[in-house]
Amino acid sequence: MTRMVQCVKLGKESEGLDWQPYPGPLGERIMENVSKEGWQQWLSHQTMLINEYRLTPVDPKAREFLETEMEKFFFGEGSSKPAEFVAPE
């Protein structure tokens, strides 16, 4: 049976994640409150952040930045795009 969650990103009940995608308390909150579709939206946003800011995910400062943005994306005011970002056509 599919696990359903009230997704904080989509604002509706949707199919929940199959496993905790991130460690620790933030990962637990995501598991309980974010749908598969919401998580996919984050992965796209995270990829854009990594590319635009030229982040190296193994760098501790980059990981801290991405974790902060992830928390804002799901549970805060939202993670914004860089000012210079131009969406591909």
Protein backbone atom coordinates (compact mmCIF):
# COMPACT_ATOMS: atom_id res chain seq x y z
CA MET A 1 0.00 0.00 0.00
CA THR A 2 1.24 3.46 -0.89
CA ARG A 3 2.11 5.75 2.00
CA MET A 4 0.38 9.11 1.69
CA VAL A 5 1.55 12.39 3.26
CA GLN A 6 0.20 15.91 3.45
CA CYS A 7 2.98 17.47 1.37
CA VAL A 8 4.18 20.83 2.68
CA LYS A 9 5.52 21.76 -0.75
CA LEU A 10 2.47 20.86 -2.82
CA GLY A 11 -0.13 21.74 -0.19
CA LYS A 12 -2.06 18.54 -0.79
CA GLU A 13 -2.07 14.86 0.08
CA SER A 14 0.25 12.94 -2.20
CA GLU A 15 2.36 9.79 -2.38
CA GLY A 16 5.08 9.81 0.29
CA LEU A 17 8.73 8.93 -0.06
CA ASP A 18 9.77 5.29 0.22
CA TRP A 19 12.82 6.03 2.39
CA GLN A 20 14.37 8.90 4.32
CA PRO A 21 16.32 10.87 1.69
CA TYR A 22 18.49 12.87 4.09
CA PRO A 23 20.01 12.00 7.48
CA GLY A 24 19.10 13.40 10.88
CA PRO A 25 16.13 15.40 12.12
CA LEU A 26 15.74 17.31 8.85
CA GLY A 27 15.54 14.02 6.96
CA GLU A 28 12.89 12.76 9.38
CA ARG A 29 10.80 15.90 8.82
CA ILE A 30 11.15 15.50 5.07
CA MET A 31 10.15 11.83 5.24
CA GLU A 32 6.97 12.69 7.18
CA ASN A 33 5.99 15.88 5.33
CA VAL A 34 7.24 15.78 1.74
CA SER A 35 5.87 13.80 -1.19
CA LYS A 36 7.82 12.14 -3.97
CA GLU A 37 6.81 14.96 -6.31
CA GLY A 38 7.90 17.59 -3.79
CA TRP A 39 11.25 15.84 -3.36
CA GLN A 40 11.76 15.79 -7.14
CA GLN A 41 11.12 19.56 -7.20
CA TRP A 42 13.88 19.96 -4.59
CA LEU A 43 16.31 17.82 -6.60
CA SER A 44 15.79 20.05 -9.64
CA HIS A 45 16.21 23.19 -7.54
CA GLN A 46 19.30 21.77 -5.83
CA THR A 47 20.87 20.95 -9.22
CA MET A 48 20.26 24.53 -10.34
CA LEU A 49 21.88 25.87 -7.13
CA ILE A 50 24.91 23.60 -7.54
CA ASN A 51 25.36 24.68 -11.16
CA GLU A 52 24.70 28.40 -10.71
CA TYR A 53 26.88 28.77 -7.61
CA ARG A 54 29.43 26.23 -8.92
CA LEU A 55 29.25 24.27 -5.68
CA THR A 56 31.21 21.12 -4.92
CA PRO A 57 28.89 18.87 -2.88
CA VAL A 58 31.80 17.31 -0.98
CA ASP A 59 32.81 20.74 0.37
CA PRO A 60 31.44 21.12 3.93
CA LYS A 61 30.48 24.78 3.32
CA ALA A 62 28.57 23.82 0.16
CA ARG A 63 26.79 21.02 2.01
CA GLU A 64 25.85 23.41 4.83
CA PHE A 65 24.53 25.92 2.27
CA LEU A 66 22.47 23.24 0.50
CA GLU A 67 21.04 21.94 3.78
CA THR A 68 19.99 25.48 4.75
CA GLU A 69 18.39 25.98 1.35
CA MET A 70 16.63 22.60 1.61
CA GLU A 71 15.10 23.56 4.94
CA LYS A 72 13.96 26.92 3.52
CA PHE A 73 12.61 25.20 0.39
CA PHE A 74 10.34 22.88 2.37
CA PHE A 75 9.71 24.50 5.74
CA GLY A 76 10.63 28.18 5.44
CA GLU A 77 10.07 31.07 3.11
CA GLY A 78 11.35 29.08 0.13
CA SER A 79 14.74 28.87 -1.50
CA SER A 80 15.18 31.56 -4.11
CA LYS A 81 17.05 31.35 -7.36
CA PRO A 82 20.28 33.35 -7.79
CA ALA A 83 19.64 36.90 -9.02
CA GLU A 84 21.53 36.21 -12.27
CA PHE A 85 19.65 32.97 -13.02
CA VAL A 86 18.00 32.80 -16.44
CA ALA A 87 15.80 29.77 -17.03
CA PRO A 88 16.61 27.83 -20.21
CA GLU A 89 14.08 28.26 -23.00
